[in-house]
Amino acid sequence: MKHSYLSYQAAVLALVLCGSALCQDAPAVKSAASVNGKIIPYDVLLRQCVARHGAEVLENLILVEAIEQAAEKAGVSITIQEVDERCAATEKQIGLRAPVTGITFAAWLRLEGLSPAAFRQGVYLAMLVEKMVKPNVSVSDQDVVTYYTRNRERLKQPERVKVAHICVPTREKAQQLRDDILAGRVSFADAAKANSIDPYTKENGGEWGFIVPGPDPFQAASFALTKDGDISPVVESKMGFHIIKRIARTPERIPPFEEVDDRIRAQLESDALERLAAEKRAEIVAQTKIERYIVDFSNPPLNGEK
């Protein structure tokens, strides 16, 4: 699986270097484009790519190589299926919050400045390092009890309502579905399965889970419902137009230890794994012999230049 998840920028630089300096036997590409008949030479394109992104991409390639060498030495590998599952879980987690945040997974990638390939590469490298240090993660029963005792107030859950929703692209469609549901012509769950554009809830009859108070229109409409089974008027959010059904309500409370001990343990293990992985990544880089043959990216050698 070596280098399977290079970022887009890394792939570009690899192609640049391969096409210009390494693949000497390949047919030469002399022109990248023309503007009103004036040629933009291929070498100009290559130099611009490397000048703008070369330093960043080279450091990324170095990190990839160093981590993969360390993982191979440790006998650690990650399968494509494992990467797929982690990526899918992250995408689902972000997508489930979209009715409130308005941020889809694609929008989140843009906000983070990541291409899908770069995101996937980051997941792959993180999983390699995590797998190297995971045997050192240890959380005792006493650690979990101590955390609960010291953080009871932090663990306090605000008032929450459990809701289901149907999201569609237009107000008219949402109003039609609401009218049909209230008239008994279709159940809420069936209407969600047939019409909702939320891919993470539609197959479960629109069930979204618990939601906490907040200023978002989706949150406000959810808490305006006064009893279980109530259905909201049409609500507009960044995702689309919703109708919301209240399923249950829970008051503010501190959950009992037995209800949250598994979640506390998982969080403590995750925190320890993150800390050890950061230390391991720094250790790998520090212990790797790195020689950089290009230091000035403003005028990089191309076409076999020395």
Protein backbone atom coordinates (compact mmCIF):
# COMPACT_ATOMS: atom_id res chain seq x y z
CA MET A 1 0.00 0.00 0.00
CA LYS A 2 3.06 2.20 -0.26
CA HIS A 3 2.28 5.79 -1.34
CA SER A 4 -1.32 4.87 -2.17
CA TYR A 5 -2.69 8.00 -0.53
CA LEU A 6 -0.46 10.83 -1.72
CA SER A 7 -2.21 14.16 -1.74
CA TYR A 8 -3.14 15.84 -4.97
CA GLN A 9 -0.29 18.30 -4.61
CA ALA A 10 2.20 15.51 -3.93
CA ALA A 11 1.00 13.64 -6.99
CA VAL A 12 1.40 16.78 -9.09
CA LEU A 13 4.99 17.26 -7.95
CA ALA A 14 5.76 13.58 -8.49
CA LEU A 15 4.45 13.84 -12.04
CA VAL A 16 6.40 17.03 -12.59
CA LEU A 17 9.68 15.51 -11.46
CA CYS A 18 9.05 12.23 -13.21
CA GLY A 19 8.01 13.82 -16.46
CA SER A 20 10.80 16.38 -16.52
CA ALA A 21 13.85 14.85 -14.92
CA LEU A 22 13.42 11.10 -14.53
CA CYS A 23 11.55 9.91 -17.59
CA GLN A 24 14.21 10.94 -20.07
CA ASP A 25 13.02 8.47 -22.69
CA ALA A 26 9.46 9.85 -22.79
CA PRO A 27 8.50 12.16 -25.68
CA ALA A 28 9.21 15.78 -24.75
CA VAL A 29 6.21 18.04 -24.17
CA LYS A 30 7.31 21.48 -25.34
CA SER A 31 4.12 23.52 -24.89
CA ALA A 32 1.55 23.64 -22.10
CA ALA A 33 -0.89 26.01 -23.79
CA SER A 34 -1.16 28.94 -26.16
CA VAL A 35 -2.85 32.30 -25.71
CA ASN A 36 -3.74 34.04 -28.97
CA GLY A 37 -1.00 32.04 -30.59
CA LYS A 38 1.66 32.78 -27.98
CA ILE A 39 3.04 29.59 -26.47
CA ILE A 40 3.26 28.97 -22.71
CA PRO A 41 6.22 26.56 -22.51
CA TYR A 42 5.84 23.38 -20.53
CA ASP A 43 8.95 24.13 -18.51
CA VAL A 44 7.38 27.41 -17.37
CA LEU A 45 4.38 25.49 -16.05
CA LEU A 46 6.63 23.02 -14.25
CA ARG A 47 8.73 25.74 -12.66
CA GLN A 48 5.62 27.61 -11.49
CA CYS A 49 4.16 24.46 -9.91
CA VAL A 50 7.36 23.64 -8.09
CA ALA A 51 8.05 27.27 -7.10
CA ARG A 52 4.59 27.67 -5.59
CA HIS A 53 4.10 24.30 -3.96
CA GLY A 54 7.42 22.48 -4.08
CA ALA A 55 8.62 23.12 -0.52
CA GLU A 56 5.30 22.13 1.06
CA VAL A 57 4.85 19.06 -1.10
CA LEU A 58 8.42 17.88 -0.63
CA GLU A 59 8.02 18.03 3.16
CA ASN A 60 4.81 16.06 2.78
CA LEU A 61 6.55 13.42 0.68
CA ILE A 62 9.35 13.20 3.24
CA LEU A 63 6.84 12.71 6.06
CA VAL A 64 4.98 10.02 4.10
CA GLU A 65 8.21 8.15 3.40
CA ALA A 66 9.47 8.42 6.97
CA ILE A 67 6.22 7.17 8.49
CA GLU A 68 5.85 4.33 6.00
CA GLN A 69 9.43 3.20 6.61
CA ALA A 70 8.84 3.26 10.39
CA ALA A 71 5.58 1.35 10.00
CA GLU A 72 7.23 -1.29 7.79
CA LYS A 73 10.02 -1.71 10.36
CA ALA A 74 7.41 -2.12 13.10
CA GLY A 75 5.47 -4.65 11.03
CA VAL A 76 2.43 -2.36 10.85
CA SER A 77 0.19 -1.93 7.83
CA ILE A 78 -3.23 -0.49 7.05
CA THR A 79 -5.67 -2.00 4.57
CA ILE A 80 -7.71 -0.07 2.04
CA GLN A 81 -10.85 -1.29 3.83
CA GLU A 82 -9.65 0.20 7.12
CA VAL A 83 -9.03 3.56 5.47
CA ASP A 84 -12.41 3.40 3.72
CA GLU A 85 -14.18 2.73 7.02
CA ARG A 86 -12.44 5.58 8.87
CA CYS A 87 -13.11 8.03 6.04
CA ALA A 88 -16.76 6.97 5.85
CA ALA A 89 -17.19 7.35 9.62
CA THR A 90 -15.77 10.87 9.53
CA GLU A 91 -17.94 11.83 6.57
CA LYS A 92 -21.03 10.47 8.34
CA GLN A 93 -20.21 12.31 11.57
CA ILE A 94 -19.94 15.62 9.74
CA GLY A 95 -23.01 14.90 7.63
CA LEU A 96 -25.17 14.14 10.68
CA ARG A 97 -24.51 17.66 12.00
CA ALA A 98 -25.28 19.30 8.66
CA PRO A 99 -28.95 20.12 9.45
CA VAL A 100 -27.69 22.36 12.28
CA THR A 101 -24.30 23.52 10.98
CA GLY A 102 -25.20 23.71 7.30
CA ILE A 103 -21.74 22.25 6.60
CA THR A 104 -21.70 19.17 4.42
CA PHE A 105 -18.63 16.97 4.15
CA ALA A 106 -17.66 18.60 0.85
CA ALA A 107 -17.98 22.05 2.46
CA TRP A 108 -15.90 20.89 5.44
CA LEU A 109 -13.12 19.76 3.11
CA ARG A 110 -13.11 23.19 1.47
CA LEU A 111 -13.00 24.93 4.85
CA GLU A 112 -10.06 22.75 5.88
CA GLY A 113 -8.28 23.40 2.59
CA LEU A 114 -8.22 19.67 1.78
CA SER A 115 -8.79 17.78 -1.43
CA PRO A 116 -10.49 14.37 -1.00
CA ALA A 117 -7.12 12.74 -1.76
CA ALA A 118 -5.30 14.85 0.83
CA PHE A 119 -7.94 14.02 3.45
CA ARG A 120 -7.60 10.33 2.66
CA GLN A 121 -3.83 10.51 2.87
CA GLY A 122 -4.05 12.21 6.26
CA VAL A 123 -6.34 9.45 7.52
CA TYR A 124 -3.97 6.79 6.21
CA LEU A 125 -0.88 8.30 7.87
CA ALA A 126 -2.73 8.92 11.14
CA MET A 127 -3.90 5.30 11.21
CA LEU A 128 -0.38 4.01 10.59
CA VAL A 129 1.03 5.97 13.51
CA GLU A 130 -1.93 5.10 15.75
CA LYS A 131 -1.44 1.41 15.05
CA MET A 132 2.22 1.67 16.06
CA VAL A 133 1.42 3.17 19.47
CA LYS A 134 -1.97 1.62 20.26
CA PRO A 135 -0.46 -1.28 22.28
CA ASN A 136 0.86 1.36 24.71
CA VAL A 137 -2.57 2.85 25.40
CA SER A 138 -3.86 1.83 28.82
CA VAL A 139 -6.85 3.17 30.74
CA SER A 140 -7.70 1.53 34.07
CA ASP A 141 -11.09 1.24 35.76
CA GLN A 142 -9.83 3.68 38.39
CA ASP A 143 -8.92 6.19 35.68
CA VAL A 144 -12.53 6.11 34.50
CA VAL A 145 -13.96 6.49 38.02
CA THR A 146 -11.58 9.34 38.81
CA TYR A 147 -12.52 11.20 35.65
CA TYR A 148 -16.24 10.84 36.39
CA THR A 149 -15.81 12.04 39.98
CA ARG A 150 -13.78 15.07 38.98
CA ASN A 151 -15.91 16.04 35.99
CA ARG A 152 -19.49 15.49 37.08
CA GLU A 153 -20.47 19.07 36.26
CA ARG A 154 -18.76 18.91 32.89
CA LEU A 155 -20.68 15.73 32.14
CA LYS A 156 -23.99 17.41 32.87
CA GLN A 157 -26.34 17.02 29.93
CA PRO A 158 -28.53 20.00 29.00
CA GLU A 159 -32.19 19.60 28.19
CA ARG A 160 -32.42 17.61 24.99
CA VAL A 161 -35.08 16.60 22.53
CA LYS A 162 -34.94 13.57 20.29
CA VAL A 163 -36.22 14.34 16.81
CA ALA A 164 -36.76 12.95 13.36
CA HIS A 165 -36.74 15.17 10.32
CA ILE A 166 -37.43 15.27 6.61
CA CYS A 167 -35.36 17.63 4.50
CA VAL A 168 -36.32 18.54 0.93
CA PRO A 169 -35.11 21.19 -1.54
CA THR A 170 -38.23 23.39 -1.63
CA ARG A 171 -40.70 24.89 0.83
CA GLU A 172 -43.61 23.72 -1.33
CA LYS A 173 -42.50 20.09 -1.18
CA ALA A 174 -42.00 20.27 2.58
CA GLN A 175 -45.47 21.78 3.08
CA GLN A 176 -47.05 19.11 0.89
CA LEU A 177 -45.40 16.34 2.89
CA ARG A 178 -46.45 17.94 6.17
CA ASP A 179 -50.06 18.16 4.99
CA ASP A 180 -50.01 14.51 3.86
CA ILE A 181 -48.56 13.34 7.18
CA LEU A 182 -51.05 15.30 9.28
CA ALA A 183 -53.91 14.01 7.12
CA GLY A 184 -52.76 10.43 7.66
CA ARG A 185 -52.07 9.79 3.97
CA VAL A 186 -48.47 8.77 4.73
CA SER A 187 -46.46 8.07 7.86
CA PHE A 188 -43.58 10.35 8.84
CA ALA A 189 -41.08 7.49 8.52
CA ASP A 190 -42.27 6.48 5.05
CA ALA A 191 -42.26 10.10 3.88
CA ALA A 192 -38.67 10.46 5.11
CA LYS A 193 -37.52 7.29 3.37
CA ALA A 194 -39.12 8.33 0.08
CA ASN A 195 -38.31 12.03 0.02
CA SER A 196 -35.60 13.23 2.41
CA ILE A 197 -32.33 14.46 0.92
CA ASP A 198 -30.45 13.73 4.16
CA PRO A 199 -28.64 10.48 3.29
CA TYR A 200 -27.70 9.74 6.91
CA THR A 201 -31.22 9.71 8.38
CA LYS A 202 -33.70 8.92 5.61
CA GLU A 203 -33.36 5.13 5.76
CA ASN A 204 -34.03 5.27 9.51
CA GLY A 205 -37.32 7.06 9.02
CA GLY A 206 -35.66 10.45 9.45
CA GLU A 207 -34.53 9.78 13.02
CA TRP A 208 -31.79 12.29 13.83
CA GLY A 209 -31.15 11.63 17.51
CA PHE A 210 -30.95 14.08 20.40
CA ILE A 211 -30.45 17.78 19.84
CA VAL A 212 -29.46 20.45 22.37
CA PRO A 213 -30.79 24.03 22.60
CA GLY A 214 -29.25 26.62 20.30
CA PRO A 215 -29.95 29.59 18.05
CA ASP A 216 -30.11 27.66 14.79
CA PRO A 217 -33.61 27.57 13.22
CA PHE A 218 -33.53 23.75 13.30
CA GLN A 219 -32.76 23.75 17.03
CA ALA A 220 -35.29 26.48 17.80
CA ALA A 221 -38.06 24.65 15.94
CA SER A 222 -37.21 21.37 17.68
CA PHE A 223 -37.52 22.93 21.14
CA ALA A 224 -40.72 24.75 20.21
CA LEU A 225 -42.49 21.39 19.96
CA THR A 226 -44.36 20.90 23.22
CA LYS A 227 -45.12 17.17 23.24
CA ASP A 228 -43.92 13.92 21.76
CA GLY A 229 -45.34 13.28 18.30
CA ASP A 230 -45.75 16.97 17.45
CA ILE A 231 -44.68 18.01 13.96
CA SER A 232 -43.21 21.44 13.27
CA PRO A 233 -44.18 23.91 10.59
CA VAL A 234 -41.79 24.04 7.64
CA VAL A 235 -38.35 25.20 8.80
CA GLU A 236 -35.62 26.55 6.54
CA SER A 237 -31.96 25.82 7.28
CA LYS A 238 -28.73 25.94 5.33
CA MET A 239 -29.39 22.36 4.26
CA GLY A 240 -32.90 22.88 2.89
CA PHE A 241 -36.50 22.86 4.12
CA HIS A 242 -37.42 20.61 7.04
CA ILE A 243 -40.37 19.25 8.89
CA ILE A 244 -39.40 18.02 12.35
CA LYS A 245 -41.09 15.47 14.59
CA ARG A 246 -40.46 15.35 18.32
CA ILE A 247 -39.87 11.82 19.59
CA ALA A 248 -38.82 12.37 23.20
CA ARG A 249 -37.51 14.99 25.64
CA THR A 250 -35.03 14.62 28.51
CA PRO A 251 -34.47 17.29 31.19
CA GLU A 252 -31.08 18.64 32.24
CA ARG A 253 -29.28 16.06 34.37
CA ILE A 254 -25.97 14.52 35.39
CA PRO A 255 -25.99 11.01 33.92
CA PRO A 256 -25.22 8.12 36.30
CA PHE A 257 -21.76 6.57 36.07
CA GLU A 258 -23.09 3.32 34.58
CA GLU A 259 -24.55 5.27 31.67
CA VAL A 260 -21.35 7.03 30.67
CA ASP A 261 -18.47 4.83 31.83
CA ASP A 262 -17.94 3.27 28.40
CA ARG A 263 -17.97 6.70 26.75
CA ILE A 264 -15.49 8.07 29.32
CA ARG A 265 -13.17 5.11 28.76
CA ALA A 266 -13.34 5.58 24.99
CA GLN A 267 -12.58 9.29 25.34
CA LEU A 268 -9.63 8.68 27.67
CA GLU A 269 -8.27 6.05 25.30
CA SER A 270 -8.71 8.41 22.36
CA ASP A 271 -6.92 11.24 24.20
CA ALA A 272 -4.04 8.93 25.13
CA LEU A 273 -3.81 7.59 21.58
CA GLU A 274 -3.71 11.11 20.15
CA ARG A 275 -0.96 12.16 22.57
CA LEU A 276 1.17 9.07 21.94
CA ALA A 277 0.68 9.35 18.17
CA ALA A 278 1.88 12.97 18.19
CA GLU A 279 4.94 11.96 20.19
CA LYS A 280 5.62 9.03 17.85
CA ARG A 281 5.33 11.18 14.74
CA ALA A 282 7.83 13.67 16.18
CA GLU A 283 10.13 10.80 17.17
CA ILE A 284 10.01 9.31 13.66
CA VAL A 285 10.95 12.60 12.05
CA ALA A 286 13.72 13.24 14.60
CA GLN A 287 15.25 9.81 14.05
CA THR A 288 15.07 9.88 10.25
CA LYS A 289 18.11 10.85 8.21
CA ILE A 290 16.81 13.40 5.71
CA GLU A 291 18.87 14.97 2.93
CA ARG A 292 17.21 17.67 0.85
CA TYR A 293 18.73 18.10 -2.59
CA ILE A 294 16.46 20.99 -3.57
CA VAL A 295 16.44 23.92 -1.16
CA ASP A 296 15.73 26.80 -3.54
CA PHE A 297 12.34 26.22 -5.12
CA SER A 298 12.30 29.57 -6.92
CA ASN A 299 14.40 28.10 -9.76
CA PRO A 300 14.28 24.28 -9.51
CA PRO A 301 16.28 22.07 -11.87
CA LEU A 302 14.21 20.49 -14.63
CA ASN A 303 14.79 18.32 -17.71
CA GLY A 304 17.84 16.69 -16.20
CA GLU A 305 19.51 19.99 -15.21
CA LYS A 306 22.04 19.86 -12.39
